[in-house]
Amino acid sequence: MKTEIIRSLTNNFESYAKTTKNGVEFWLARDLQILLGYTQWRNFLNVVDKAKIACKTSNHAVSDHFADVSKMVSLGSSAETEIQDIMLTRYACYLIAQNGDPRKEEIAFAQTYFAIQTRKLELIEKRILESERISARKKLANTEKELSGIIFEQTGSVKNFGIIRSKGDKALFGYSTEQMKNRWNVPKDRSLADFAPTIILKAKDFATEITIFNAKTQQMKTETQISSEHITNNQSVRKTLLERGIRPESLPPDEDIKKVAKKLQIENKKSVESIAPLD
């Protein structure tokens, strides 16, 4: 396919894209019909139906990606009529292209175009989630550091922090820190939190914040007092998670946070280096 044709098709596909009030990007099926080289609406609907089946098979809600709408079109002489149309997400367009006639040049282009664009969105979403997890891990580290400082100030021992944190893990997971490390195959010299999913990092952080608040306001002076407080807070957080169908000890471990952070650092550096300077 010649470069000028590719550029023309790209411009066409982007120019027909619309956005809802909530910022969701979509195409109208009757516009896509033209872009994909179909002259008959009924023939194009057959392709749309196949795409809907593919959507359902992929465990996606069809209504999330294919929404029936109607619009008025001009018949000339100021007369108008209502016709049926379909709002399509980028994913829906991708599925339609995958189920279209591969002999059509427009279909061949659209298959690649929407596959790449859909993949870009997936990568962006993944990157956002990874950044959120890194932020949650940093937040937990700072919160635990604050608790460690309070424990030292109020009990006079730095050893008490490790004991108290371990008791908190037992209350949250139903397993000790070491037992959870074995379940998640965490190296002995690494922190359990470095392999915890974001939801667990935030749960631990919340319980620790409550412990800090009560330890300070109630002037707890012994390891027993602060441990009891930390256990209670983690048990309460665990109860909330269980009520929402989340069992902490049954969640799979996430990727090593250090590897994730390094990967994002490299990607950010590449992004900056790829930006052309202004003349």
C-alpha atoms as a PDB file:
ATOM      1  CA  MET A   1       0.000   0.000   0.000  1.00  0.00           C
ATOM      2  CA  LYS A   2       1.490   3.318  -1.060  1.00  0.00           C
ATOM      3  CA  THR A   3       2.461   5.911   1.536  1.00  0.00           C
ATOM      4  CA  GLU A   4       0.042   8.536   0.214  1.00  0.00           C
ATOM      5  CA  ILE A   5      -2.855   6.069   0.426  1.00  0.00           C
ATOM      6  CA  ILE A   6      -1.927   5.204   4.024  1.00  0.00           C
ATOM      7  CA  ARG A   7      -1.792   8.888   4.948  1.00  0.00           C
ATOM      8  CA  SER A   8      -5.126   9.530   3.262  1.00  0.00           C
ATOM      9  CA  LEU A   9      -6.820   6.622   5.030  1.00  0.00           C
ATOM     10  CA  THR A  10      -5.332   7.645   8.387  1.00  0.00           C
ATOM     11  CA  ASN A  11      -6.643  11.194   7.990  1.00  0.00           C
ATOM     12  CA  ASN A  12     -10.046   9.871   6.990  1.00  0.00           C
ATOM     13  CA  PHE A  13     -10.355   7.554   9.978  1.00  0.00           C
ATOM     14  CA  GLU A  14      -9.265  10.252  12.436  1.00  0.00           C
ATOM     15  CA  SER A  15     -11.510  12.917  10.894  1.00  0.00           C
ATOM     16  CA  TYR A  16     -14.607  10.754  11.424  1.00  0.00           C
ATOM     17  CA  ALA A  17     -13.805  10.131  15.091  1.00  0.00           C
ATOM     18  CA  LYS A  18     -16.129  11.854  17.558  1.00  0.00           C
ATOM     19  CA  THR A  19     -16.146  12.234  21.329  1.00  0.00           C
ATOM     20  CA  THR A  20     -18.996  11.943  23.837  1.00  0.00           C
ATOM     21  CA  LYS A  21     -19.571  14.471  26.626  1.00  0.00           C
ATOM     22  CA  ASN A  22     -17.678  12.102  28.935  1.00  0.00           C
ATOM     23  CA  GLY A  23     -14.664  12.068  26.639  1.00  0.00           C
ATOM     24  CA  VAL A  24     -15.259   8.602  25.134  1.00  0.00           C
ATOM     25  CA  GLU A  25     -14.054   8.362  21.540  1.00  0.00           C
ATOM     26  CA  PHE A  26     -16.431   6.765  19.016  1.00  0.00           C
ATOM     27  CA  TRP A  27     -17.257   6.333  15.338  1.00  0.00           C
ATOM     28  CA  LEU A  28     -20.689   6.071  13.726  1.00  0.00           C
ATOM     29  CA  ALA A  29     -21.310   2.845  11.865  1.00  0.00           C
ATOM     30  CA  ARG A  30     -22.644   4.561   8.728  1.00  0.00           C
ATOM     31  CA  ASP A  31     -19.430   6.592   8.549  1.00  0.00           C
ATOM     32  CA  LEU A  32     -17.325   3.489   9.111  1.00  0.00           C
ATOM     33  CA  GLN A  33     -19.290   1.707   6.393  1.00  0.00           C
ATOM     34  CA  ILE A  34     -18.017   4.247   3.870  1.00  0.00           C
ATOM     35  CA  LEU A  35     -14.476   4.202   5.257  1.00  0.00           C
ATOM     36  CA  LEU A  36     -14.323   0.417   4.924  1.00  0.00           C
ATOM     37  CA  GLY A  37     -15.588   0.421   1.339  1.00  0.00           C
ATOM     38  CA  TYR A  38     -19.079  -1.054   1.855  1.00  0.00           C
ATOM     39  CA  THR A  39     -21.783   0.374  -0.410  1.00  0.00           C
ATOM     40  CA  GLN A  40     -24.736  -1.548   1.066  1.00  0.00           C
ATOM     41  CA  TRP A  41     -25.778  -0.942   4.685  1.00  0.00           C
ATOM     42  CA  ARG A  42     -27.303  -4.422   5.011  1.00  0.00           C
ATOM     43  CA  ASN A  43     -24.022  -6.041   3.951  1.00  0.00           C
ATOM     44  CA  PHE A  44     -22.132  -3.948   6.458  1.00  0.00           C
ATOM     45  CA  LEU A  45     -24.595  -4.905   9.224  1.00  0.00           C
ATOM     46  CA  ASN A  46     -23.666  -8.555   8.657  1.00  0.00           C
ATOM     47  CA  VAL A  47     -20.069  -7.655   9.500  1.00  0.00           C
ATOM     48  CA  VAL A  48     -21.216  -5.683  12.551  1.00  0.00           C
ATOM     49  CA  ASP A  49     -23.191  -8.701  13.799  1.00  0.00           C
ATOM     50  CA  LYS A  50     -20.095 -10.900  13.517  1.00  0.00           C
ATOM     51  CA  ALA A  51     -18.121  -8.278  15.439  1.00  0.00           C
ATOM     52  CA  LYS A  52     -20.727  -8.278  18.217  1.00  0.00           C
ATOM     53  CA  ILE A  53     -20.395 -12.048  18.541  1.00  0.00           C
ATOM     54  CA  ALA A  54     -16.608 -11.690  18.748  1.00  0.00           C
ATOM     55  CA  CYS A  55     -17.054  -9.008  21.418  1.00  0.00           C
ATOM     56  CA  LYS A  56     -19.272 -11.256  23.515  1.00  0.00           C
ATOM     57  CA  THR A  57     -16.916 -14.211  23.060  1.00  0.00           C
ATOM     58  CA  SER A  58     -14.081 -12.044  24.403  1.00  0.00           C
ATOM     59  CA  ASN A  59     -16.120 -11.475  27.594  1.00  0.00           C
ATOM     60  CA  HIS A  60     -16.788  -7.806  26.832  1.00  0.00           C
ATOM     61  CA  ALA A  61     -20.244  -6.290  27.218  1.00  0.00           C
ATOM     62  CA  VAL A  62     -21.584  -5.672  23.701  1.00  0.00           C
ATOM     63  CA  SER A  63     -23.567  -2.651  24.932  1.00  0.00           C
ATOM     64  CA  ASP A  64     -20.322  -1.027  26.129  1.00  0.00           C
ATOM     65  CA  HIS A  65     -18.950  -0.957  22.586  1.00  0.00           C
ATOM     66  CA  PHE A  66     -22.007  -0.994  20.268  1.00  0.00           C
ATOM     67  CA  ALA A  67     -24.754   1.516  21.100  1.00  0.00           C
ATOM     68  CA  ASP A  68     -27.834   1.859  18.860  1.00  0.00           C
ATOM     69  CA  VAL A  69     -28.709   5.455  18.012  1.00  0.00           C
ATOM     70  CA  SER A  70     -30.858   7.281  15.476  1.00  0.00           C
ATOM     71  CA  LYS A  71     -30.248  10.451  13.509  1.00  0.00           C
ATOM     72  CA  MET A  72     -32.043  12.688  11.041  1.00  0.00           C
ATOM     73  CA  VAL A  73     -30.781  12.915   7.459  1.00  0.00           C
ATOM     74  CA  SER A  74     -31.807  15.321   4.735  1.00  0.00           C
ATOM     75  CA  LEU A  75     -33.833  14.092   1.767  1.00  0.00           C
ATOM     76  CA  GLY A  76     -33.650  17.408  -0.049  1.00  0.00           C
ATOM     77  CA  SER A  77     -36.274  20.135  -0.355  1.00  0.00           C
ATOM     78  CA  SER A  78     -36.078  20.665   3.452  1.00  0.00           C
ATOM     79  CA  ALA A  79     -37.411  17.145   4.058  1.00  0.00           C
ATOM     80  CA  GLU A  80     -35.774  14.875   6.632  1.00  0.00           C
ATOM     81  CA  THR A  81     -36.083  11.262   7.729  1.00  0.00           C
ATOM     82  CA  GLU A  82     -34.842   9.293  10.710  1.00  0.00           C
ATOM     83  CA  ILE A  83     -32.372   6.458  10.149  1.00  0.00           C
ATOM     84  CA  GLN A  84     -30.768   3.967  12.534  1.00  0.00           C
ATOM     85  CA  ASP A  85     -27.065   4.106  13.299  1.00  0.00           C
ATOM     86  CA  ILE A  86     -24.606   2.597  15.820  1.00  0.00           C
ATOM     87  CA  MET A  87     -22.031   4.315  18.015  1.00  0.00           C
ATOM     88  CA  LEU A  88     -18.833   2.274  17.975  1.00  0.00           C
ATOM     89  CA  THR A  89     -15.833   2.389  20.288  1.00  0.00           C
ATOM     90  CA  ARG A  90     -12.336   1.972  18.926  1.00  0.00           C
ATOM     91  CA  TYR A  91     -12.447  -1.648  20.083  1.00  0.00           C
ATOM     92  CA  ALA A  92     -15.717  -2.209  18.213  1.00  0.00           C
ATOM     93  CA  CYS A  93     -14.152  -0.755  15.056  1.00  0.00           C
ATOM     94  CA  TYR A  94     -11.216  -3.111  15.488  1.00  0.00           C
ATOM     95  CA  LEU A  95     -13.550  -6.127  15.727  1.00  0.00           C
ATOM     96  CA  ILE A  96     -15.500  -4.996  12.669  1.00  0.00           C
ATOM     97  CA  ALA A  97     -12.293  -4.642  10.684  1.00  0.00           C
ATOM     98  CA  GLN A  98     -11.209  -8.110  11.800  1.00  0.00           C
ATOM     99  CA  ASN A  99     -14.469  -9.549  10.514  1.00  0.00           C
ATOM    100  CA  GLY A 100     -14.554  -7.568   7.255  1.00  0.00           C
ATOM    101  CA  ASP A 101     -13.666  -8.638   3.730  1.00  0.00           C
ATOM    102  CA  PRO A 102      -9.829  -8.892   3.731  1.00  0.00           C
ATOM    103  CA  ARG A 103      -9.779  -8.376  -0.036  1.00  0.00           C
ATOM    104  CA  LYS A 104     -10.795  -4.765   0.468  1.00  0.00           C
ATOM    105  CA  GLU A 105      -7.827  -2.414   0.691  1.00  0.00           C
ATOM    106  CA  GLU A 106      -9.666  -0.346   3.291  1.00  0.00           C
ATOM    107  CA  ILE A 107     -10.230  -3.412   5.495  1.00  0.00           C
ATOM    108  CA  ALA A 108      -6.573  -4.410   5.294  1.00  0.00           C
ATOM    109  CA  PHE A 109      -5.603  -0.926   6.435  1.00  0.00           C
ATOM    110  CA  ALA A 110      -8.249  -0.754   9.178  1.00  0.00           C
ATOM    111  CA  GLN A 111      -7.188  -4.091  10.671  1.00  0.00           C
ATOM    112  CA  THR A 112      -3.697  -2.767  11.268  1.00  0.00           C
ATOM    113  CA  TYR A 113      -4.786   0.762  12.144  1.00  0.00           C
ATOM    114  CA  PHE A 114      -7.247  -0.158  14.891  1.00  0.00           C
ATOM    115  CA  ALA A 115      -5.046  -2.976  16.201  1.00  0.00           C
ATOM    116  CA  ILE A 116      -2.194  -0.507  16.737  1.00  0.00           C
ATOM    117  CA  GLN A 117      -4.417   2.197  18.210  1.00  0.00           C
ATOM    118  CA  THR A 118      -6.127  -0.274  20.561  1.00  0.00           C
ATOM    119  CA  ARG A 119      -2.752  -1.581  21.657  1.00  0.00           C
ATOM    120  CA  LYS A 120      -1.601   1.982  22.369  1.00  0.00           C
ATOM    121  CA  LEU A 121      -4.556   2.515  24.691  1.00  0.00           C
ATOM    122  CA  GLU A 122      -3.839  -0.757  26.478  1.00  0.00           C
ATOM    123  CA  LEU A 123      -0.217   0.269  27.002  1.00  0.00           C
ATOM    124  CA  ILE A 124      -1.264   3.674  28.332  1.00  0.00           C
ATOM    125  CA  GLU A 125      -3.706   2.072  30.778  1.00  0.00           C
ATOM    126  CA  LYS A 126      -1.034  -0.415  31.894  1.00  0.00           C
ATOM    127  CA  ARG A 127       1.474   2.381  32.413  1.00  0.00           C
ATOM    128  CA  ILE A 128      -0.993   4.398  34.502  1.00  0.00           C
ATOM    129  CA  LEU A 129      -1.715   1.368  36.701  1.00  0.00           C
ATOM    130  CA  GLU A 130       2.004   0.694  37.147  1.00  0.00           C
ATOM    131  CA  SER A 131       2.618   4.320  38.121  1.00  0.00           C
ATOM    132  CA  GLU A 132      -0.242   4.127  40.614  1.00  0.00           C
ATOM    133  CA  ARG A 133       1.297   1.025  42.184  1.00  0.00           C
ATOM    134  CA  ILE A 134       4.710   2.673  42.464  1.00  0.00           C
ATOM    135  CA  SER A 135       3.123   5.698  44.146  1.00  0.00           C
ATOM    136  CA  ALA A 136       1.232   3.432  46.552  1.00  0.00           C
ATOM    137  CA  ARG A 137       4.458   1.610  47.438  1.00  0.00           C
ATOM    138  CA  LYS A 138       6.285   4.888  48.121  1.00  0.00           C
ATOM    139  CA  LYS A 139       3.369   6.094  50.227  1.00  0.00           C
ATOM    140  CA  LEU A 140       3.414   2.907  52.319  1.00  0.00           C
ATOM    141  CA  ALA A 141       7.187   3.166  52.801  1.00  0.00           C
ATOM    142  CA  ASN A 142       6.816   6.734  54.101  1.00  0.00           C
ATOM    143  CA  THR A 143       3.915   5.791  56.368  1.00  0.00           C
ATOM    144  CA  GLU A 144       5.824   2.840  57.834  1.00  0.00           C
ATOM    145  CA  LYS A 145       8.853   5.068  58.347  1.00  0.00           C
ATOM    146  CA  GLU A 146       6.671   7.479  60.301  1.00  0.00           C
ATOM    147  CA  LEU A 147       5.272   4.636  62.404  1.00  0.00           C
ATOM    148  CA  SER A 148       8.791   3.356  63.063  1.00  0.00           C
ATOM    149  CA  GLY A 149       9.787   6.788  64.330  1.00  0.00           C
ATOM    150  CA  ILE A 150       6.774   7.021  66.622  1.00  0.00           C
ATOM    151  CA  ILE A 151       7.410   3.541  68.001  1.00  0.00           C
ATOM    152  CA  PHE A 152      11.021   4.457  68.822  1.00  0.00           C
ATOM    153  CA  GLU A 153      10.002   7.742  70.438  1.00  0.00           C
ATOM    154  CA  GLN A 154       7.239   6.186  72.547  1.00  0.00           C
ATOM    155  CA  THR A 155       8.687   2.742  73.385  1.00  0.00           C
ATOM    156  CA  GLY A 156      12.421   3.424  73.140  1.00  0.00           C
ATOM    157  CA  SER A 157      13.142   0.427  70.869  1.00  0.00           C
ATOM    158  CA  VAL A 158      13.675   0.175  67.077  1.00  0.00           C
ATOM    159  CA  LYS A 159      13.185  -3.613  67.230  1.00  0.00           C
ATOM    160  CA  ASN A 160       9.522  -3.174  68.104  1.00  0.00           C
ATOM    161  CA  PHE A 161       8.653  -1.890  64.606  1.00  0.00           C
ATOM    162  CA  GLY A 162       9.455  -5.211  62.899  1.00  0.00           C
ATOM    163  CA  ILE A 163       7.407  -7.097  65.499  1.00  0.00           C
ATOM    164  CA  ILE A 164       4.432  -4.774  65.159  1.00  0.00           C
ATOM    165  CA  ARG A 165       4.481  -4.811  61.339  1.00  0.00           C
ATOM    166  CA  SER A 166       4.645  -8.610  61.321  1.00  0.00           C
ATOM    167  CA  LYS A 167       1.629  -8.828  63.625  1.00  0.00           C
ATOM    168  CA  GLY A 168      -0.193  -6.463  61.279  1.00  0.00           C
ATOM    169  CA  ASP A 169       0.544  -8.741  58.318  1.00  0.00           C
ATOM    170  CA  LYS A 170      -0.783 -11.734  60.261  1.00  0.00           C
ATOM    171  CA  ALA A 171      -4.015  -9.856  60.963  1.00  0.00           C
ATOM    172  CA  LEU A 172      -4.409  -8.694  57.350  1.00  0.00           C
ATOM    173  CA  PHE A 173      -3.514 -11.931  55.530  1.00  0.00           C
ATOM    174  CA  GLY A 174      -4.211 -14.616  58.116  1.00  0.00           C
ATOM    175  CA  TYR A 175      -0.598 -15.655  57.499  1.00  0.00           C
ATOM    176  CA  SER A 176       2.687 -14.372  58.904  1.00  0.00           C
ATOM    177  CA  THR A 177       5.004 -12.219  56.799  1.00  0.00           C
ATOM    178  CA  GLU A 178       7.297 -15.201  56.171  1.00  0.00           C
ATOM    179  CA  GLN A 179       4.393 -17.444  55.227  1.00  0.00           C
ATOM    180  CA  MET A 180       3.149 -14.852  52.730  1.00  0.00           C
ATOM    181  CA  LYS A 181       6.646 -14.568  51.281  1.00  0.00           C
ATOM    182  CA  ASN A 182       6.588 -18.311  50.682  1.00  0.00           C
ATOM    183  CA  ARG A 183       3.130 -18.126  49.082  1.00  0.00           C
ATOM    184  CA  TRP A 184       4.286 -15.336  46.754  1.00  0.00           C
ATOM    185  CA  ASN A 185       7.828 -16.716  46.236  1.00  0.00           C
ATOM    186  CA  VAL A 186       9.344 -13.485  47.542  1.00  0.00           C
ATOM    187  CA  PRO A 187      13.143 -13.601  48.086  1.00  0.00           C
ATOM    188  CA  LYS A 188      14.085 -13.642  51.774  1.00  0.00           C
ATOM    189  CA  ASP A 189      16.048 -10.390  51.504  1.00  0.00           C
ATOM    190  CA  ARG A 190      13.144  -8.490  49.901  1.00  0.00           C
ATOM    191  CA  SER A 191      10.115  -6.777  51.396  1.00  0.00           C
ATOM    192  CA  LEU A 192       6.735  -8.466  51.002  1.00  0.00           C
ATOM    193  CA  ALA A 193       5.268  -5.101  49.964  1.00  0.00           C
ATOM    194  CA  ASP A 194       7.546  -4.973  46.887  1.00  0.00           C
ATOM    195  CA  PHE A 195       5.454  -7.768  45.371  1.00  0.00           C
ATOM    196  CA  ALA A 196       2.034  -6.746  46.704  1.00  0.00           C
ATOM    197  CA  PRO A 197      -0.798  -5.612  44.381  1.00  0.00           C
ATOM    198  CA  THR A 198      -1.870  -1.973  44.622  1.00  0.00           C
ATOM    199  CA  ILE A 199      -5.022  -2.808  46.600  1.00  0.00           C
ATOM    200  CA  ILE A 200      -2.924  -4.487  49.306  1.00  0.00           C
ATOM    201  CA  LEU A 201      -0.418  -1.629  49.434  1.00  0.00           C
ATOM    202  CA  LYS A 202      -3.250   0.824  49.999  1.00  0.00           C
ATOM    203  CA  ALA A 203      -4.898  -1.462  52.569  1.00  0.00           C
ATOM    204  CA  LYS A 204      -1.674  -1.766  54.568  1.00  0.00           C
ATOM    205  CA  ASP A 205      -1.115   1.971  54.317  1.00  0.00           C
ATOM    206  CA  PHE A 206      -4.611   2.765  55.590  1.00  0.00           C
ATOM    207  CA  ALA A 207      -4.283   0.438  58.579  1.00  0.00           C
ATOM    208  CA  THR A 208      -0.849   1.901  59.383  1.00  0.00           C
ATOM    209  CA  GLU A 209      -2.146   5.479  59.183  1.00  0.00           C
ATOM    210  CA  ILE A 210      -4.835   4.651  61.754  1.00  0.00           C
ATOM    211  CA  THR A 211      -2.227   3.055  63.998  1.00  0.00           C
ATOM    212  CA  ILE A 212      -0.075   6.195  63.801  1.00  0.00           C
ATOM    213  CA  PHE A 213      -3.008   8.453  64.610  1.00  0.00           C
ATOM    214  CA  ASN A 214      -4.168   6.464  67.649  1.00  0.00           C
ATOM    215  CA  ALA A 215      -0.647   5.734  68.897  1.00  0.00           C
ATOM    216  CA  LYS A 216       0.069   9.453  68.943  1.00  0.00           C
ATOM    217  CA  THR A 217      -3.232  10.750  70.280  1.00  0.00           C
ATOM    218  CA  GLN A 218      -3.498   8.057  72.956  1.00  0.00           C
ATOM    219  CA  GLN A 219       0.217   8.251  73.854  1.00  0.00           C
ATOM    220  CA  MET A 220       0.801   4.497  73.679  1.00  0.00           C
ATOM    221  CA  LYS A 221       4.081   3.689  75.444  1.00  0.00           C
ATOM    222  CA  THR A 222       4.520  -0.076  75.010  1.00  0.00           C
ATOM    223  CA  GLU A 223       4.934  -2.531  72.173  1.00  0.00           C
ATOM    224  CA  THR A 224       1.905  -4.436  73.454  1.00  0.00           C
ATOM    225  CA  GLN A 225      -0.346  -1.386  73.196  1.00  0.00           C
ATOM    226  CA  ILE A 226       0.759  -0.407  69.688  1.00  0.00           C
ATOM    227  CA  SER A 227       0.725  -4.032  68.475  1.00  0.00           C
ATOM    228  CA  SER A 228      -2.836  -4.465  69.728  1.00  0.00           C
ATOM    229  CA  GLU A 229      -3.850  -1.273  67.950  1.00  0.00           C
ATOM    230  CA  HIS A 230      -2.149  -2.312  64.700  1.00  0.00           C
ATOM    231  CA  ILE A 231      -3.712  -5.780  64.816  1.00  0.00           C
ATOM    232  CA  THR A 232      -7.188  -4.305  65.321  1.00  0.00           C
ATOM    233  CA  ASN A 233      -6.764  -1.894  62.409  1.00  0.00           C
ATOM    234  CA  ASN A 234      -5.534  -4.602  60.035  1.00  0.00           C
ATOM    235  CA  GLN A 235      -8.361  -6.911  61.102  1.00  0.00           C
ATOM    236  CA  SER A 236     -10.859  -4.146  60.345  1.00  0.00           C
ATOM    237  CA  VAL A 237      -9.333  -3.539  56.909  1.00  0.00           C
ATOM    238  CA  ARG A 238      -9.332  -7.290  56.218  1.00  0.00           C
ATOM    239  CA  LYS A 239     -13.014  -7.493  57.173  1.00  0.00           C
ATOM    240  CA  THR A 240     -13.846  -4.708  54.714  1.00  0.00           C
ATOM    241  CA  LEU A 241     -11.897  -6.432  51.932  1.00  0.00           C
ATOM    242  CA  LEU A 242     -13.602  -9.771  52.598  1.00  0.00           C
ATOM    243  CA  GLU A 243     -17.011  -8.100  52.544  1.00  0.00           C
ATOM    244  CA  ARG A 244     -16.171  -6.777  49.072  1.00  0.00           C
ATOM    245  CA  GLY A 245     -15.084 -10.218  47.861  1.00  0.00           C
ATOM    246  CA  ILE A 246     -11.339  -9.587  48.149  1.00  0.00           C
ATOM    247  CA  ARG A 247      -9.315 -12.196  50.055  1.00  0.00           C
ATOM    248  CA  PRO A 248      -5.817 -10.705  50.570  1.00  0.00           C
ATOM    249  CA  GLU A 249      -3.938 -13.997  50.954  1.00  0.00           C
ATOM    250  CA  SER A 250      -5.516 -15.406  47.779  1.00  0.00           C
ATOM    251  CA  LEU A 251      -4.464 -12.555  45.504  1.00  0.00           C
ATOM    252  CA  PRO A 252      -1.555 -13.330  43.175  1.00  0.00           C
ATOM    253  CA  PRO A 253       1.681 -11.386  43.680  1.00  0.00           C
ATOM    254  CA  ASP A 254       2.465  -8.542  41.337  1.00  0.00           C
ATOM    255  CA  GLU A 255       5.692  -7.940  39.421  1.00  0.00           C
ATOM    256  CA  ASP A 256       8.752  -6.888  41.434  1.00  0.00           C
ATOM    257  CA  ILE A 257       8.196  -3.180  42.083  1.00  0.00           C
ATOM    258  CA  LYS A 258      11.880  -2.415  41.480  1.00  0.00           C
ATOM    259  CA  LYS A 259      11.702  -3.907  37.982  1.00  0.00           C
ATOM    260  CA  VAL A 260       8.501  -1.991  37.240  1.00  0.00           C
ATOM    261  CA  ALA A 261      10.051   1.290  38.415  1.00  0.00           C
ATOM    262  CA  LYS A 262      13.187   0.712  36.337  1.00  0.00           C
ATOM    263  CA  LYS A 263      11.116  -0.133  33.249  1.00  0.00           C
ATOM    264  CA  LEU A 264       9.045   3.045  33.602  1.00  0.00           C
ATOM    265  CA  GLN A 265      12.203   5.100  34.119  1.00  0.00           C
ATOM    266  CA  ILE A 266      13.661   3.768  30.860  1.00  0.00           C
ATOM    267  CA  GLU A 267      10.387   4.376  28.991  1.00  0.00           C
ATOM    268  CA  ASN A 268      10.154   7.944  30.310  1.00  0.00           C
ATOM    269  CA  LYS A 269      13.732   8.618  29.249  1.00  0.00           C
ATOM    270  CA  LYS A 270      13.033   7.313  25.750  1.00  0.00           C
ATOM    271  CA  SER A 271       9.899   9.470  25.535  1.00  0.00           C
ATOM    272  CA  VAL A 272      11.855  12.591  26.449  1.00  0.00           C
ATOM    273  CA  GLU A 273      14.660  11.781  23.999  1.00  0.00           C
ATOM    274  CA  SER A 274      12.135  11.227  21.197  1.00  0.00           C
ATOM    275  CA  ILE A 275      10.754  14.753  21.473  1.00  0.00           C
ATOM    276  CA  ALA A 276      12.180  16.881  18.695  1.00  0.00           C
ATOM    277  CA  PRO A 277      13.462  20.305  19.824  1.00  0.00           C
ATOM    278  CA  LEU A 278      11.701  23.397  18.543  1.00  0.00           C
ATOM    279  CA  ASP A 279      13.596  25.359  15.904  1.00  0.00           C
END
